Amino acid sequence: MLADITFIGSTIKSLQVNNKVTKLPAVSSVNINVGVSDPSITSITDEEVTYLHGVLQLQIDLNITNDTEEVLSEISLLLEGAYRIDSGVDRNEFNDLVRFNGLANLYTVARSEIITFTSHIYSEGKVV
């Protein structure tokens, strides 16, 4: 069954930065850890129309190190995305759609947020 999932929006639930530098050195590396929650699925009735509503959380932790492996910055970002679909779709199918499509969507949002705020943290450089 082909189903259209609707992205309602996302929010930054938590952002933590521990930073030791204002300029990223030319030789630095980024270690990334990614975690994702199981989707939370509920039914919502709005003006006599019932939808399935799903929420997914994405946790991204970055450690930026220099060439001697000294940690220069630690960034932890928790994003939450909300999705909905017509209730004619099976709940398990929607859960899979939120898990797969929601994760791809939130990863794109997270990457954009990380690029934006690291460009403000560092006088030169950003995490891409």
N, C-alpha and C. Protein backbone atom coordinates (compact mmCIF):
# COMPACT_ATOMS: atom_id res chain seq x y z
N MET A 1 0.84 -1.18 0.00
CA MET A 1 0.00 0.00 0.00
C MET A 1 0.89 1.24 0.00
N LEU A 2 0.61 2.18 -0.90
CA LEU A 2 1.34 3.43 -0.96
C LEU A 2 0.61 4.44 -0.08
N ALA A 3 1.33 5.04 0.87
CA ALA A 3 0.71 5.97 1.80
C ALA A 3 1.54 7.23 1.89
N ASP A 4 0.86 8.36 1.99
CA ASP A 4 1.53 9.64 2.14
C ASP A 4 1.60 10.02 3.60
N ILE A 5 2.81 10.10 4.10
CA ILE A 5 3.04 10.51 5.47
C ILE A 5 3.27 12.03 5.45
N THR A 6 2.68 12.73 6.40
CA THR A 6 2.81 14.18 6.47
C THR A 6 3.74 14.56 7.61
N PHE A 7 4.74 15.36 7.31
CA PHE A 7 5.65 15.89 8.33
C PHE A 7 4.99 17.12 8.92
N ILE A 8 4.67 17.08 10.20
CA ILE A 8 4.03 18.20 10.87
C ILE A 8 5.06 19.24 11.29
N GLY A 9 6.18 18.79 11.81
CA GLY A 9 7.24 19.71 12.22
C GLY A 9 8.22 19.04 13.15
N SER A 10 9.26 19.79 13.50
CA SER A 10 10.27 19.27 14.42
C SER A 10 10.62 20.35 15.43
N THR A 11 11.21 19.90 16.52
CA THR A 11 11.65 20.83 17.55
C THR A 11 12.95 20.32 18.16
N ILE A 12 13.77 21.25 18.60
CA ILE A 12 14.97 20.88 19.34
C ILE A 12 14.56 20.71 20.79
N LYS A 13 14.62 19.49 21.28
CA LYS A 13 14.27 19.20 22.67
C LYS A 13 15.41 19.52 23.61
N SER A 14 16.65 19.33 23.11
CA SER A 14 17.83 19.57 23.95
C SER A 14 19.02 19.86 23.05
N LEU A 15 19.83 20.82 23.48
CA LEU A 15 21.08 21.12 22.80
C LEU A 15 22.11 21.46 23.86
N GLN A 16 23.20 20.70 23.87
CA GLN A 16 24.28 20.94 24.83
C GLN A 16 25.58 21.06 24.06
N VAL A 17 26.36 22.09 24.41
CA VAL A 17 27.64 22.31 23.76
C VAL A 17 28.70 22.52 24.83
N ASN A 18 29.78 21.76 24.73
CA ASN A 18 30.95 21.95 25.57
C ASN A 18 32.08 22.26 24.60
N ASN A 19 32.52 23.52 24.58
CA ASN A 19 33.44 23.98 23.55
C ASN A 19 34.69 24.58 24.17
N LYS A 20 35.85 24.24 23.62
CA LYS A 20 37.13 24.75 24.12
C LYS A 20 37.81 25.70 23.13
N VAL A 21 37.26 25.86 21.94
CA VAL A 21 37.93 26.66 20.90
C VAL A 21 36.94 27.61 20.23
N THR A 22 37.48 28.65 19.59
CA THR A 22 36.64 29.55 18.79
C THR A 22 36.87 29.34 17.30
N LYS A 23 37.97 28.67 16.97
CA LYS A 23 38.31 28.41 15.58
C LYS A 23 38.66 26.93 15.43
N LEU A 24 38.02 26.26 14.49
CA LEU A 24 38.34 24.85 14.24
C LEU A 24 39.66 24.75 13.49
N PRO A 25 40.56 23.89 13.95
CA PRO A 25 41.81 23.71 13.21
C PRO A 25 41.56 23.02 11.88
N ALA A 26 42.49 23.23 10.95
CA ALA A 26 42.35 22.63 9.62
C ALA A 26 42.31 21.11 9.71
N VAL A 27 43.05 20.55 10.66
CA VAL A 27 43.06 19.10 10.84
C VAL A 27 42.24 18.78 12.08
N SER A 28 41.00 18.40 11.87
CA SER A 28 40.14 17.97 12.97
C SER A 28 39.24 16.87 12.45
N SER A 29 38.77 16.03 13.38
CA SER A 29 37.87 14.95 12.97
C SER A 29 36.63 15.01 13.84
N VAL A 30 35.55 14.46 13.30
CA VAL A 30 34.27 14.45 13.99
C VAL A 30 33.83 13.01 14.19
N ASN A 31 33.63 12.63 15.44
CA ASN A 31 33.08 11.31 15.76
C ASN A 31 31.59 11.50 16.04
N ILE A 32 30.77 10.69 15.40
CA ILE A 32 29.32 10.85 15.50
C ILE A 32 28.69 9.59 16.08
N ASN A 33 27.82 9.79 17.08
CA ASN A 33 26.99 8.71 17.61
C ASN A 33 25.53 9.11 17.39
N VAL A 34 24.75 8.19 16.85
CA VAL A 34 23.35 8.47 16.54
C VAL A 34 22.47 7.46 17.24
N GLY A 35 21.39 7.94 17.84
CA GLY A 35 20.40 7.08 18.47
C GLY A 35 19.01 7.52 18.07
N VAL A 36 18.11 6.58 17.95
CA VAL A 36 16.73 6.91 17.57
C VAL A 36 15.77 6.15 18.48
N SER A 37 14.68 6.82 18.85
CA SER A 37 13.68 6.19 19.71
C SER A 37 12.72 5.35 18.88
N ASP A 38 11.99 4.48 19.54
CA ASP A 38 10.87 3.82 18.88
C ASP A 38 9.77 4.86 18.70
N PRO A 39 9.09 4.86 17.56
CA PRO A 39 8.02 5.84 17.36
C PRO A 39 6.90 5.67 18.39
N SER A 40 6.35 6.78 18.80
CA SER A 40 5.16 6.79 19.66
C SER A 40 3.97 7.11 18.76
N ILE A 41 3.02 6.17 18.65
CA ILE A 41 1.89 6.32 17.73
C ILE A 41 0.59 6.46 18.53
N THR A 42 -0.21 7.48 18.18
CA THR A 42 -1.52 7.68 18.80
C THR A 42 -2.55 8.00 17.71
N SER A 43 -3.81 7.82 18.05
CA SER A 43 -4.90 8.21 17.15
C SER A 43 -5.44 9.55 17.62
N ILE A 44 -5.68 10.46 16.67
CA ILE A 44 -6.21 11.78 16.99
C ILE A 44 -7.42 12.04 16.09
N THR A 45 -8.51 12.49 16.69
CA THR A 45 -9.69 12.86 15.93
C THR A 45 -9.80 14.38 15.92
N ASP A 46 -9.88 14.94 14.72
CA ASP A 46 -9.97 16.39 14.53
C ASP A 46 -11.11 16.68 13.56
N GLU A 47 -12.17 17.31 14.06
CA GLU A 47 -13.34 17.64 13.24
C GLU A 47 -13.87 16.40 12.50
N GLU A 48 -14.07 15.34 13.24
CA GLU A 48 -14.65 14.09 12.76
C GLU A 48 -13.74 13.32 11.80
N VAL A 49 -12.49 13.73 11.66
CA VAL A 49 -11.51 12.99 10.85
C VAL A 49 -10.47 12.42 11.81
N THR A 50 -10.20 11.13 11.68
CA THR A 50 -9.23 10.49 12.56
C THR A 50 -7.91 10.29 11.81
N TYR A 51 -6.85 10.67 12.47
CA TYR A 51 -5.50 10.51 11.93
C TYR A 51 -4.68 9.67 12.88
N LEU A 52 -3.65 9.05 12.35
CA LEU A 52 -2.62 8.47 13.19
C LEU A 52 -1.52 9.52 13.32
N HIS A 53 -1.06 9.73 14.52
CA HIS A 53 -0.04 10.73 14.82
C HIS A 53 1.18 10.01 15.39
N GLY A 54 2.35 10.30 14.86
CA GLY A 54 3.57 9.65 15.32
C GLY A 54 4.64 10.64 15.72
N VAL A 55 5.37 10.31 16.76
CA VAL A 55 6.47 11.14 17.25
C VAL A 55 7.73 10.28 17.30
N LEU A 56 8.83 10.84 16.82
CA LEU A 56 10.10 10.15 16.78
C LEU A 56 11.18 11.08 17.31
N GLN A 57 12.11 10.55 18.10
CA GLN A 57 13.22 11.36 18.61
C GLN A 57 14.53 10.85 18.03
N LEU A 58 15.40 11.80 17.70
CA LEU A 58 16.73 11.51 17.16
C LEU A 58 17.77 12.19 18.04
N GLN A 59 18.71 11.41 18.54
CA GLN A 59 19.81 11.92 19.37
C GLN A 59 21.09 11.84 18.56
N ILE A 60 21.81 12.97 18.45
CA ILE A 60 23.10 12.99 17.77
C ILE A 60 24.13 13.59 18.71
N ASP A 61 25.22 12.86 18.94
CA ASP A 61 26.33 13.32 19.77
C ASP A 61 27.57 13.41 18.89
N LEU A 62 28.21 14.57 18.92
CA LEU A 62 29.41 14.82 18.13
C LEU A 62 30.58 15.11 19.07
N ASN A 63 31.72 14.52 18.78
CA ASN A 63 32.97 14.85 19.46
C ASN A 63 33.95 15.29 18.38
N ILE A 64 34.42 16.52 18.49
CA ILE A 64 35.35 17.08 17.52
C ILE A 64 36.73 17.08 18.16
N THR A 65 37.67 16.44 17.49
CA THR A 65 39.02 16.32 18.04
C THR A 65 40.04 16.90 17.06
N ASN A 66 41.21 17.25 17.60
CA ASN A 66 42.30 17.71 16.74
C ASN A 66 43.17 16.52 16.35
N ASP A 67 44.31 16.81 15.72
CA ASP A 67 45.17 15.73 15.22
C ASP A 67 45.85 14.93 16.33
N THR A 68 45.84 15.44 17.57
CA THR A 68 46.39 14.68 18.70
C THR A 68 45.30 14.01 19.53
N GLU A 69 44.08 13.98 18.97
CA GLU A 69 42.91 13.35 19.60
C GLU A 69 42.40 14.10 20.83
N GLU A 70 42.83 15.34 21.02
CA GLU A 70 42.28 16.17 22.10
C GLU A 70 40.86 16.60 21.72
N VAL A 71 39.92 16.43 22.64
CA VAL A 71 38.53 16.83 22.37
C VAL A 71 38.44 18.35 22.43
N LEU A 72 38.01 18.94 21.30
CA LEU A 72 37.87 20.39 21.21
C LEU A 72 36.45 20.84 21.49
N SER A 73 35.51 20.07 21.03
CA SER A 73 34.09 20.39 21.21
C SER A 73 33.29 19.11 21.37
N GLU A 74 32.26 19.19 22.19
CA GLU A 74 31.28 18.12 22.33
C GLU A 74 29.91 18.75 22.12
N ILE A 75 29.15 18.17 21.23
CA ILE A 75 27.82 18.69 20.93
C ILE A 75 26.82 17.55 21.04
N SER A 76 25.74 17.80 21.75
CA SER A 76 24.68 16.80 21.91
C SER A 76 23.36 17.45 21.51
N LEU A 77 22.68 16.87 20.54
CA LEU A 77 21.44 17.42 20.00
C LEU A 77 20.35 16.36 20.06
N LEU A 78 19.21 16.71 20.65
CA LEU A 78 18.03 15.84 20.67
C LEU A 78 16.91 16.54 19.92
N LEU A 79 16.49 15.93 18.80
CA LEU A 79 15.40 16.45 17.98
C LEU A 79 14.18 15.56 18.11
N GLU A 80 13.02 16.18 17.98
CA GLU A 80 11.77 15.42 17.97
C GLU A 80 10.97 15.84 16.74
N GLY A 81 10.49 14.86 16.01
CA GLY A 81 9.68 15.12 14.82
C GLY A 81 8.29 14.54 14.99
N ALA A 82 7.31 15.23 14.41
CA ALA A 82 5.91 14.78 14.47
C ALA A 82 5.40 14.53 13.05
N TYR A 83 4.63 13.45 12.91
CA TYR A 83 4.14 13.00 11.61
C TYR A 83 2.69 12.56 11.75
N ARG A 84 1.96 12.62 10.64
CA ARG A 84 0.59 12.09 10.67
C ARG A 84 0.24 11.48 9.33
N ILE A 85 -0.82 10.66 9.38
CA ILE A 85 -1.28 9.97 8.18
C ILE A 85 -2.76 9.65 8.37
N ASP A 86 -3.45 9.47 7.28
CA ASP A 86 -4.85 9.08 7.29
C ASP A 86 -5.01 7.78 8.07
N SER A 87 -6.04 7.71 8.89
CA SER A 87 -6.22 6.53 9.74
C SER A 87 -6.54 5.26 8.97
N GLY A 88 -6.76 5.35 7.66
CA GLY A 88 -7.00 4.16 6.86
C GLY A 88 -5.76 3.29 6.72
N VAL A 89 -4.64 3.79 7.16
CA VAL A 89 -3.38 3.05 7.10
C VAL A 89 -3.22 2.22 8.37
N ASP A 90 -2.74 1.02 8.20
CA ASP A 90 -2.49 0.15 9.33
C ASP A 90 -1.49 0.78 10.29
N ARG A 91 -1.75 0.65 11.58
CA ARG A 91 -0.89 1.24 12.63
C ARG A 91 0.55 0.74 12.54
N ASN A 92 0.74 -0.55 12.27
CA ASN A 92 2.10 -1.11 12.14
C ASN A 92 2.82 -0.56 10.91
N GLU A 93 2.07 -0.38 9.82
CA GLU A 93 2.66 0.19 8.61
C GLU A 93 3.08 1.64 8.87
N PHE A 94 2.24 2.40 9.58
CA PHE A 94 2.58 3.78 9.90
C PHE A 94 3.80 3.83 10.81
N ASN A 95 3.87 2.92 11.77
CA ASN A 95 5.04 2.84 12.66
C ASN A 95 6.32 2.67 11.82
N ASP A 96 6.27 1.78 10.83
CA ASP A 96 7.43 1.55 9.96
C ASP A 96 7.75 2.79 9.13
N LEU A 97 6.71 3.47 8.62
CA LEU A 97 6.91 4.69 7.84
C LEU A 97 7.57 5.79 8.68
N VAL A 98 7.10 5.94 9.92
CA VAL A 98 7.68 6.96 10.81
C VAL A 98 9.13 6.58 11.13
N ARG A 99 9.36 5.32 11.41
CA ARG A 99 10.72 4.87 11.75
C ARG A 99 11.68 5.13 10.59
N PHE A 100 11.29 4.80 9.37
CA PHE A 100 12.19 4.93 8.22
C PHE A 100 12.20 6.34 7.65
N ASN A 101 11.04 6.83 7.21
CA ASN A 101 10.96 8.15 6.59
C ASN A 101 11.19 9.26 7.61
N GLY A 102 10.67 9.06 8.82
CA GLY A 102 10.87 10.06 9.87
C GLY A 102 12.33 10.21 10.24
N LEU A 103 13.04 9.09 10.32
CA LEU A 103 14.46 9.13 10.64
C LEU A 103 15.23 9.86 9.54
N ALA A 104 14.94 9.55 8.28
CA ALA A 104 15.62 10.23 7.16
C ALA A 104 15.33 11.73 7.21
N ASN A 105 14.09 12.08 7.49
CA ASN A 105 13.69 13.49 7.59
C ASN A 105 14.40 14.19 8.74
N LEU A 106 14.40 13.59 9.92
CA LEU A 106 15.02 14.22 11.09
C LEU A 106 16.54 14.32 10.94
N TYR A 107 17.16 13.34 10.28
CA TYR A 107 18.59 13.42 10.06
C TYR A 107 18.93 14.65 9.21
N THR A 108 18.12 14.91 8.20
CA THR A 108 18.32 16.09 7.35
C THR A 108 18.15 17.37 8.16
N VAL A 109 17.13 17.42 9.01
CA VAL A 109 16.92 18.58 9.87
C VAL A 109 18.10 18.76 10.82
N ALA A 110 18.56 17.66 11.43
CA ALA A 110 19.68 17.72 12.38
C ALA A 110 20.93 18.23 11.69
N ARG A 111 21.21 17.73 10.52
CA ARG A 111 22.40 18.18 9.78
C ARG A 111 22.34 19.67 9.51
N SER A 112 21.20 20.16 9.09
CA SER A 112 21.02 21.58 8.83
C SER A 112 21.22 22.41 10.10
N GLU A 113 20.65 21.94 11.22
CA GLU A 113 20.80 22.65 12.49
C GLU A 113 22.26 22.67 12.94
N ILE A 114 22.95 21.56 12.80
CA ILE A 114 24.36 21.48 13.22
C ILE A 114 25.22 22.40 12.37
N ILE A 115 25.00 22.43 11.07
CA ILE A 115 25.75 23.34 10.20
C ILE A 115 25.50 24.79 10.62
N THR A 116 24.24 25.12 10.87
CA THR A 116 23.89 26.50 11.23
C THR A 116 24.50 26.92 12.56
N PHE A 117 24.28 26.15 13.63
CA PHE A 117 24.77 26.64 14.91
C PHE A 117 26.28 26.50 15.07
N THR A 118 26.92 25.55 14.39
CA THR A 118 28.38 25.52 14.49
C THR A 118 29.02 26.66 13.69
N SER A 119 28.33 27.16 12.67
CA SER A 119 28.86 28.33 11.96
C SER A 119 28.81 29.58 12.85
N HIS A 120 27.96 29.57 13.88
CA HIS A 120 27.90 30.68 14.83
C HIS A 120 28.84 30.47 16.02
N ILE A 121 29.15 29.22 16.34
CA ILE A 121 30.03 28.92 17.47
C ILE A 121 31.48 29.25 17.13
N TYR A 122 31.91 28.87 15.94
CA TYR A 122 33.30 29.01 15.54
C TYR A 122 33.48 30.23 14.63
N SER A 123 34.54 31.00 14.89
CA SER A 123 34.80 32.17 14.05
C SER A 123 35.22 31.74 12.64
N GLU A 124 35.85 30.59 12.55
CA GLU A 124 36.20 30.03 11.24
C GLU A 124 35.90 28.55 11.27
N GLY A 125 35.13 28.09 10.30
CA GLY A 125 34.79 26.69 10.18
C GLY A 125 33.42 26.37 10.72
N LYS A 126 32.93 25.22 10.33
CA LYS A 126 31.66 24.69 10.80
C LYS A 126 31.67 23.19 10.57
N VAL A 127 30.81 22.49 11.27
CA VAL A 127 30.70 21.05 11.10
C VAL A 127 29.69 20.79 9.99
N VAL A 128 30.12 20.08 8.97
CA VAL A 128 29.24 19.80 7.82
C VAL A 128 28.92 18.33 7.79
